[in-house]
Amino acid sequence: MSSRSIYLDNAATTAVDPRVIAEMNSCLGADGEFANPSSVNHGYGRRASARVERARAEVAALVNAAPEQILFTSGATEANNLALLGAARFHRNRSRHLVTSRTEHPAVLDACRQLEREGCVVTYLKPAPSGIVEVEQVAAALRPDTLLVSLMHVNNEIGVINDIGSIGRLCRKSGVLFHVDAAQSAGKLPIDVRNDAIDLLSLTAHKLHGPKGIGALCIRREPRLGLVPLQFGGGQEHGLRSGTLPTHQIVGMGSAYRIARESMSVDIPRIAGLREQLWGALADIPGVELNGDPVRRVAGILNVTVDGVEGEALLLALGDLAMSSGSACASLHAEPSYVLRALGRSDRLAQSSLRLSLGRFTTARESRAGRLPDRCGDRQAQGR
């Protein structure tokens, strides 16, 4: 590991915890629970089904939900799409207005644009310069025909935290559905779908040391919430998400969520301390500025602007430091971050920004990254 670059891109994805790998492996070989969990007419299938249900309970426990509320998907992108498209299409004859923000993940924004093509009206809230969407903004945007509000708990680029509890209780009082994208917050912040009045919650495994390709949508059951499925087939997951359940991935997600629940009290303060250590090394460099609220932020994400240095060039100069100039989904495109532009950053400053994100396996030595401040300063001087 010492010959590899320092990994500071945990907001894009995390290394799978070895304990998770061990549990996944137990569902792959001929001696394990490899069978189709829908084949409950024999012992192999029943044992696989039992592992799926145990994982369902582990995912539910992290967000204070009942196991039957958890519907497995291929990830948070599918969960977001099912929540928005499924709810809007089910209720299309009742309400057609939705509220979201300009800084949501593309999985939400593109789903909203699709719904606009289908006749819905979407209000896109502009966050404060801190990056936070306040409950007063949501209240002002609600209309008599508002069906749903969709907001992320933690912004995937700048790490700021929305007050989902206050917003959820506002929506519940107003008779409006509330969807939360919790891809970046599950296992890193407390989530309580009951206390926070969350009707739909999108989850994923690979942001908290679980496998890629598996996620979940937590759905309010009482009173029952109507959704139209996006795909059809064998009727798995209460008919809302047909397809053979990937036992090993589901077990991996359950294991990752159980470990996160058990270790949050230790992991969160440790990672927050490493983030502050890293920010302390960067803050004294001329032209370096923090993006997003300095207090209301998740432990592991730090987004900074390095004025005078283009972000992609800086990434190349810091080749032994794995980080990003924005979200992983947006890194395929050369345009400046739409999140930072929504916060009032110019195109030039948005293109001069870096996201550094830490995780369970980040060490104190890596977070110090003593060469980072020196080389940022060198590159900045050259860029000017």
Protein backbone atom coordinates (compact mmCIF):
# COMPACT_ATOMS: atom_id res chain seq x y z
CA MET A 1 0.00 0.00 0.00
CA SER A 2 2.90 2.39 0.67
CA SER A 3 3.78 2.55 -3.05
CA ARG A 4 0.24 3.60 -4.01
CA SER A 5 -1.14 7.12 -4.05
CA ILE A 6 -2.93 8.55 -1.04
CA TYR A 7 -6.67 8.03 -1.48
CA LEU A 8 -8.73 11.12 -0.67
CA ASP A 9 -11.75 10.43 -2.90
CA ASN A 10 -14.02 8.51 -0.53
CA ALA A 11 -17.05 10.61 -1.55
CA ALA A 12 -16.76 8.98 -4.98
CA THR A 13 -16.47 5.47 -3.56
CA THR A 14 -14.89 3.64 -0.66
CA ALA A 15 -12.78 0.53 -0.30
CA VAL A 16 -14.89 -2.41 0.78
CA ASP A 17 -14.31 -3.30 4.42
CA PRO A 18 -12.57 -6.72 4.76
CA ARG A 19 -15.35 -7.84 7.12
CA VAL A 20 -17.87 -7.09 4.38
CA ILE A 21 -15.83 -9.00 1.81
CA ALA A 22 -15.78 -12.05 4.07
CA GLU A 23 -19.56 -12.04 4.39
CA MET A 24 -20.03 -11.56 0.65
CA ASN A 25 -17.69 -14.45 -0.10
CA SER A 26 -19.85 -16.71 2.04
CA CYS A 27 -22.64 -16.22 -0.53
CA LEU A 28 -20.66 -17.00 -3.68
CA GLY A 29 -19.21 -20.51 -3.54
CA ALA A 30 -20.88 -23.89 -3.70
CA ASP A 31 -20.50 -24.28 0.07
CA GLY A 32 -22.23 -20.96 0.78
CA GLU A 33 -25.62 -19.29 0.35
CA PHE A 34 -25.33 -18.94 -3.43
CA ALA A 35 -28.88 -19.99 -4.38
CA ASN A 36 -31.63 -17.79 -5.78
CA PRO A 37 -33.38 -16.36 -2.70
CA SER A 38 -36.72 -16.62 -4.50
CA SER A 39 -36.33 -20.42 -4.70
CA VAL A 40 -37.88 -21.03 -1.31
CA ASN A 41 -39.08 -24.54 -2.22
CA HIS A 42 -35.69 -25.95 -1.15
CA GLY A 43 -33.18 -25.41 1.62
CA TYR A 44 -30.57 -23.67 -0.52
CA GLY A 45 -33.03 -20.97 -1.54
CA ARG A 46 -34.44 -20.62 1.96
CA ARG A 47 -30.97 -20.11 3.42
CA ALA A 48 -30.19 -17.46 0.81
CA SER A 49 -33.54 -15.80 1.50
CA ALA A 50 -32.76 -15.75 5.22
CA ARG A 51 -29.47 -13.94 4.52
CA VAL A 52 -31.32 -11.36 2.40
CA GLU A 53 -33.87 -10.74 5.13
CA ARG A 54 -31.17 -10.42 7.77
CA ALA A 55 -29.45 -7.80 5.59
CA ARG A 56 -32.76 -6.01 5.08
CA ALA A 57 -33.10 -5.70 8.85
CA GLU A 58 -29.53 -4.41 9.17
CA VAL A 59 -30.13 -1.69 6.59
CA ALA A 60 -33.40 -0.73 8.27
CA ALA A 61 -31.78 -0.51 11.70
CA LEU A 62 -29.36 2.20 10.59
CA VAL A 63 -32.21 4.57 9.69
CA ASN A 64 -34.77 3.43 12.33
CA ALA A 65 -37.08 1.84 9.78
CA ALA A 66 -38.94 -1.46 9.77
CA PRO A 67 -37.33 -4.16 7.58
CA GLU A 68 -40.41 -4.32 5.33
CA GLN A 69 -39.79 -0.68 4.38
CA ILE A 70 -36.49 -1.55 2.64
CA LEU A 71 -36.62 -2.26 -1.08
CA PHE A 72 -33.30 -3.25 -2.66
CA THR A 73 -32.17 -1.50 -5.85
CA SER A 74 -28.97 -1.35 -7.91
CA GLY A 75 -27.90 1.80 -6.08
CA ALA A 76 -28.95 5.30 -5.05
CA THR A 77 -29.43 6.41 -8.67
CA GLU A 78 -32.14 3.80 -9.22
CA ALA A 79 -33.61 4.54 -5.80
CA ASN A 80 -33.83 8.25 -6.64
CA ASN A 81 -35.47 7.52 -9.98
CA LEU A 82 -37.96 5.09 -8.48
CA ALA A 83 -38.85 7.56 -5.72
CA LEU A 84 -39.43 10.54 -8.02
CA LEU A 85 -40.75 8.92 -11.19
CA GLY A 86 -42.67 6.27 -9.28
CA ALA A 87 -44.44 8.74 -6.99
CA ALA A 88 -45.13 11.37 -9.65
CA ARG A 89 -46.57 8.84 -12.10
CA PHE A 90 -48.70 7.18 -9.44
CA HIS A 91 -50.18 10.51 -8.37
CA ARG A 92 -50.24 12.18 -11.80
CA ASN A 93 -53.99 12.81 -11.64
CA ARG A 94 -53.79 14.42 -8.19
CA SER A 95 -50.67 16.60 -8.00
CA ARG A 96 -47.99 17.57 -10.51
CA HIS A 97 -45.76 20.06 -8.67
CA LEU A 98 -42.38 19.08 -7.20
CA VAL A 99 -39.74 21.02 -5.27
CA THR A 100 -36.01 20.31 -5.31
CA SER A 101 -32.78 22.32 -5.33
CA ARG A 102 -30.27 23.33 -7.99
CA THR A 103 -27.49 21.46 -6.20
CA GLU A 104 -29.00 17.98 -6.14
CA HIS A 105 -27.27 14.93 -7.60
CA PRO A 106 -27.82 14.43 -11.36
CA ALA A 107 -29.90 11.34 -10.53
CA VAL A 108 -32.49 13.67 -9.01
CA LEU A 109 -32.11 16.60 -11.40
CA ASP A 110 -32.35 14.45 -14.53
CA ALA A 111 -35.35 12.58 -13.11
CA CYS A 112 -37.03 15.94 -12.48
CA ARG A 113 -36.31 17.05 -16.04
CA GLN A 114 -37.91 13.85 -17.31
CA LEU A 115 -40.98 14.58 -15.21
CA GLU A 116 -41.13 18.08 -16.67
CA ARG A 117 -41.28 16.47 -20.10
CA GLU A 118 -44.22 14.42 -18.79
CA GLY A 119 -46.13 17.53 -17.73
CA CYS A 120 -44.96 18.12 -14.15
CA VAL A 121 -43.83 21.51 -12.85
CA VAL A 122 -40.63 21.61 -10.81
CA THR A 123 -39.41 24.44 -8.57
CA TYR A 124 -35.61 24.48 -8.26
CA LEU A 125 -34.52 26.21 -5.05
CA LYS A 126 -31.26 28.14 -4.99
CA PRO A 127 -29.31 27.39 -1.79
CA ALA A 128 -27.78 30.10 0.33
CA PRO A 129 -24.09 30.88 -0.35
CA SER A 130 -23.37 28.31 2.38
CA GLY A 131 -24.84 25.63 0.13
CA ILE A 132 -27.66 24.85 2.56
CA VAL A 133 -31.36 24.79 1.66
CA GLU A 134 -33.23 26.25 4.61
CA VAL A 135 -36.66 25.16 5.75
CA GLU A 136 -38.04 28.68 5.11
CA GLN A 137 -37.16 28.36 1.42
CA VAL A 138 -39.04 25.09 1.18
CA ALA A 139 -42.05 26.55 2.98
CA ALA A 140 -42.16 29.48 0.56
CA ALA A 141 -42.05 27.13 -2.44
CA LEU A 142 -44.95 24.87 -1.40
CA ARG A 143 -48.20 25.20 -3.33
CA PRO A 144 -51.64 23.65 -2.90
CA ASP A 145 -50.79 21.18 -5.68
CA THR A 146 -47.29 20.28 -4.45
CA LEU A 147 -46.84 16.51 -4.44
CA LEU A 148 -43.25 16.00 -3.34
CA VAL A 149 -40.11 17.71 -2.05
CA SER A 150 -36.78 16.04 -2.87
CA LEU A 151 -33.58 17.18 -1.14
CA MET A 152 -30.28 15.53 -0.35
CA HIS A 153 -29.20 15.18 3.26
CA VAL A 154 -25.51 15.87 2.54
CA ASN A 155 -24.29 17.52 -0.63
CA ASN A 156 -21.98 15.16 -2.47
CA GLU A 157 -19.57 17.90 -3.62
CA ILE A 158 -19.25 20.29 -0.70
CA GLY A 159 -20.47 18.13 2.20
CA VAL A 160 -22.94 20.58 3.77
CA ILE A 161 -25.88 19.22 5.75
CA ASN A 162 -29.53 20.11 5.19
CA ASP A 163 -31.87 20.04 8.20
CA ILE A 164 -33.97 17.16 6.91
CA GLY A 165 -35.83 16.81 10.20
CA SER A 166 -37.29 20.32 10.08
CA ILE A 167 -38.03 20.06 6.37
CA GLY A 168 -39.61 16.62 6.77
CA ARG A 169 -41.90 17.76 9.55
CA LEU A 170 -42.93 20.78 7.47
CA CYS A 171 -43.79 18.51 4.55
CA ARG A 172 -45.70 16.07 6.75
CA LYS A 173 -47.75 18.93 8.24
CA SER A 174 -48.44 20.24 4.72
CA GLY A 175 -49.49 16.85 3.33
CA VAL A 176 -46.50 16.77 0.94
CA LEU A 177 -44.30 13.72 0.32
CA PHE A 178 -40.66 14.11 1.36
CA HIS A 179 -37.84 12.30 -0.44
CA VAL A 180 -34.26 12.39 0.86
CA ASP A 181 -31.14 11.33 -1.04
CA ALA A 182 -28.99 9.96 1.78
CA ALA A 183 -26.19 8.48 -0.35
CA GLN A 184 -23.57 10.64 1.35
CA SER A 185 -25.00 10.66 4.86
CA ALA A 186 -26.00 7.10 5.74
CA GLY A 187 -23.58 5.79 8.32
CA LYS A 188 -22.01 9.23 8.70
CA LEU A 189 -24.88 11.10 10.36
CA PRO A 190 -27.83 9.90 12.44
CA ILE A 191 -30.94 9.29 10.31
CA ASP A 192 -34.37 8.53 11.75
CA VAL A 193 -37.03 8.20 9.07
CA ARG A 194 -39.80 8.26 11.68
CA ASN A 195 -38.70 11.27 13.70
CA ASP A 196 -37.61 13.15 10.56
CA ALA A 197 -40.92 12.40 8.75
CA ILE A 198 -39.17 11.00 5.68
CA ASP A 199 -41.44 9.22 3.22
CA LEU A 200 -38.80 8.04 0.75
CA LEU A 201 -35.09 7.62 1.52
CA SER A 202 -32.46 6.67 -1.08
CA LEU A 203 -29.48 4.64 0.13
CA THR A 204 -26.37 3.06 -1.33
CA ALA A 205 -23.65 0.72 -0.06
CA HIS A 206 -20.45 1.83 -1.75
CA LYS A 207 -20.18 5.19 0.05
CA LEU A 208 -19.72 3.45 3.42
CA HIS A 209 -17.34 0.61 2.65
CA GLY A 210 -19.85 -1.73 1.06
CA PRO A 211 -19.97 -3.05 -2.52
CA LYS A 212 -20.94 -1.12 -5.64
CA GLY A 213 -24.08 -2.08 -7.53
CA ILE A 214 -26.44 -2.31 -4.57
CA GLY A 215 -28.64 0.23 -2.83
CA ALA A 216 -32.08 0.59 -1.37
CA LEU A 217 -35.16 2.75 -1.22
CA CYS A 218 -36.78 3.05 2.19
CA ILE A 219 -40.52 3.55 1.68
CA ARG A 220 -43.10 4.74 4.16
CA ARG A 221 -45.61 1.97 4.79
CA GLU A 222 -48.17 3.59 7.09
CA PRO A 223 -50.18 4.97 5.44
CA ARG A 224 -49.12 3.09 2.35
CA LEU A 225 -47.34 5.17 -0.28
CA GLY A 226 -48.13 4.48 -3.94
CA LEU A 227 -45.34 4.02 -6.50
CA VAL A 228 -45.31 2.94 -10.13
CA PRO A 229 -42.42 0.50 -10.78
CA LEU A 230 -39.73 1.32 -13.34
CA GLN A 231 -39.13 -2.27 -14.44
CA PHE A 232 -41.22 -5.40 -14.65
CA GLY A 233 -40.62 -9.12 -14.44
CA GLY A 234 -40.78 -11.67 -11.67
CA GLY A 235 -42.44 -9.45 -9.11
CA GLN A 236 -39.60 -9.38 -6.56
CA GLU A 237 -39.53 -6.69 -3.89
CA HIS A 238 -43.31 -6.40 -3.61
CA GLY A 239 -43.56 -6.01 -7.39
CA LEU A 240 -41.75 -2.65 -7.27
CA ARG A 241 -38.33 -3.88 -8.38
CA SER A 242 -38.38 -7.10 -10.38
CA GLY A 243 -35.15 -9.02 -10.91
CA THR A 244 -33.21 -11.81 -9.20
CA LEU A 245 -31.91 -10.53 -5.89
CA PRO A 246 -28.07 -10.46 -5.78
CA THR A 247 -27.62 -12.18 -2.44
CA HIS A 248 -23.90 -11.47 -2.08
CA GLN A 249 -24.31 -7.75 -2.75
CA ILE A 250 -27.32 -7.45 -0.45
CA VAL A 251 -25.45 -9.28 2.30
CA GLY A 252 -22.52 -6.94 1.71
CA MET A 253 -24.76 -3.90 2.08
CA GLY A 254 -26.30 -5.26 5.26
CA SER A 255 -22.87 -5.98 6.70
CA ALA A 256 -21.60 -2.49 5.80
CA TYR A 257 -24.63 -0.88 7.41
CA ARG A 258 -24.29 -2.97 10.57
CA ILE A 259 -20.60 -2.07 10.88
CA ALA A 260 -21.36 1.60 10.28
CA ARG A 261 -24.06 1.59 12.96
CA GLU A 262 -21.69 -0.04 15.45
CA SER A 263 -18.70 2.20 14.66
CA MET A 264 -20.26 5.64 13.99
CA SER A 265 -19.47 6.89 17.48
CA VAL A 266 -15.77 6.21 16.85
CA ASP A 267 -15.45 6.76 13.09
CA ILE A 268 -17.22 10.12 12.83
CA PRO A 269 -15.17 12.10 15.37
CA ARG A 270 -11.93 10.53 14.15
CA ILE A 271 -12.64 11.41 10.51
CA ALA A 272 -13.81 14.91 11.45
CA GLY A 273 -10.53 15.42 13.31
CA LEU A 274 -8.54 14.31 10.27
CA ARG A 275 -10.56 16.65 8.06
CA GLU A 276 -9.80 19.59 10.35
CA GLN A 277 -6.14 18.61 10.36
CA LEU A 278 -6.16 18.63 6.57
CA TRP A 279 -8.02 21.95 6.40
CA GLY A 280 -5.54 23.43 8.88
CA ALA A 281 -2.71 22.58 6.50
CA LEU A 282 -4.53 24.17 3.55
CA ALA A 283 -6.12 27.24 5.13
CA ASP A 284 -2.90 29.25 5.38
CA ILE A 285 -2.14 29.02 1.67
CA PRO A 286 -2.94 32.32 -0.09
CA GLY A 287 -5.91 31.95 -2.44
CA VAL A 288 -7.30 28.79 -0.80
CA GLU A 289 -10.90 29.16 0.33
CA LEU A 290 -13.39 26.70 1.82
CA ASN A 291 -16.55 26.01 -0.16
CA GLY A 292 -19.74 25.56 1.84
CA ASP A 293 -20.79 26.17 5.40
CA PRO A 294 -17.81 25.79 7.78
CA VAL A 295 -19.86 24.17 10.56
CA ARG A 296 -22.86 22.32 9.11
CA ARG A 297 -20.86 19.76 7.17
CA VAL A 298 -20.34 16.02 7.18
CA ALA A 299 -17.13 14.71 8.72
CA GLY A 300 -15.42 13.39 5.60
CA ILE A 301 -15.78 16.01 2.84
CA LEU A 302 -13.62 19.08 2.28
CA ASN A 303 -14.09 21.23 -0.85
CA VAL A 304 -11.66 24.08 -1.50
CA THR A 305 -11.02 26.65 -4.19
CA VAL A 306 -7.38 27.26 -5.13
CA ASP A 307 -7.60 30.64 -6.84
CA GLY A 308 -5.40 30.96 -9.89
CA VAL A 309 -4.92 27.25 -10.49
CA GLU A 310 -7.21 25.20 -12.71
CA GLY A 311 -8.45 22.18 -10.79
CA GLU A 312 -7.70 19.53 -13.41
CA ALA A 313 -4.14 20.85 -13.80
CA LEU A 314 -3.71 20.70 -10.04
CA LEU A 315 -4.94 17.10 -10.01
CA LEU A 316 -2.29 16.21 -12.58
CA ALA A 317 0.41 17.99 -10.56
CA LEU A 318 -0.63 16.10 -7.44
CA GLY A 319 -0.63 12.75 -9.16
CA ASP A 320 0.13 10.75 -6.01
CA LEU A 321 -2.97 12.15 -4.29
CA ALA A 322 -6.25 10.60 -5.43
CA MET A 323 -8.96 13.27 -5.18
CA SER A 324 -11.44 14.94 -7.53
CA SER A 325 -12.40 18.33 -8.91
CA GLY A 326 -16.11 17.66 -8.29
CA SER A 327 -18.51 14.74 -8.06
CA ALA A 328 -17.47 11.49 -9.71
CA CYS A 329 -20.56 11.61 -11.94
CA ALA A 330 -19.62 15.09 -13.20
CA SER A 331 -15.91 14.37 -13.68
CA LEU A 332 -16.58 12.92 -17.13
CA HIS A 333 -17.45 16.42 -18.30
CA ALA A 334 -15.15 19.45 -18.49
CA GLU A 335 -17.74 22.00 -17.39
CA PRO A 336 -17.30 23.79 -14.07
CA SER A 337 -19.23 22.42 -11.10
CA TYR A 338 -22.91 23.40 -11.25
CA VAL A 339 -23.01 23.07 -7.46
CA LEU A 340 -20.34 25.72 -6.96
CA ARG A 341 -21.87 27.98 -9.61
CA ALA A 342 -25.21 27.75 -7.78
CA LEU A 343 -23.39 29.00 -4.69
CA GLY A 344 -22.23 32.08 -6.60
CA ARG A 345 -18.77 30.92 -7.63
CA SER A 346 -17.63 32.16 -11.04
CA ASP A 347 -16.79 29.63 -13.73
CA ARG A 348 -13.10 30.36 -13.12
CA LEU A 349 -13.30 29.71 -9.39
CA ALA A 350 -15.53 26.67 -9.87
CA GLN A 351 -12.90 25.20 -12.18
CA SER A 352 -10.21 25.92 -9.59
CA SER A 353 -11.78 23.73 -6.90
CA LEU A 354 -10.92 20.36 -5.40
CA ARG A 355 -12.89 17.88 -3.33
CA LEU A 356 -10.91 15.91 -0.75
CA SER A 357 -12.87 13.21 1.05
CA LEU A 358 -11.82 10.91 3.86
CA GLY A 359 -13.09 7.56 5.07
CA ARG A 360 -12.66 4.78 7.62
CA PHE A 361 -9.28 3.74 6.27
CA THR A 362 -7.77 7.23 5.95
CA THR A 363 -4.79 7.54 8.28
CA ALA A 364 -3.45 10.57 10.14
CA ARG A 365 -0.37 10.50 7.91
CA GLU A 366 -2.50 10.59 4.78
CA SER A 367 -4.71 13.42 6.02
CA ARG A 368 -1.64 15.49 6.87
CA ALA A 369 -0.39 14.94 3.33
CA GLY A 370 2.38 17.38 4.12
CA ARG A 371 3.36 17.76 0.49
CA LEU A 372 -0.11 18.95 -0.52
CA PRO A 373 0.09 22.48 0.93
CA ASP A 374 3.62 23.02 -0.37
CA ARG A 375 2.77 21.92 -3.89
CA CYS A 376 -0.53 23.76 -3.93
CA GLY A 377 1.42 26.89 -3.16
CA ASP A 378 3.98 26.13 -5.86
CA ARG A 379 1.32 25.49 -8.48
CA GLN A 380 -0.59 28.58 -7.43
CA ALA A 381 2.48 30.74 -7.87
CA GLN A 382 3.07 29.25 -11.31
CA GLY A 383 -0.59 29.68 -12.25
CA ARG A 384 -0.55 33.35 -11.36
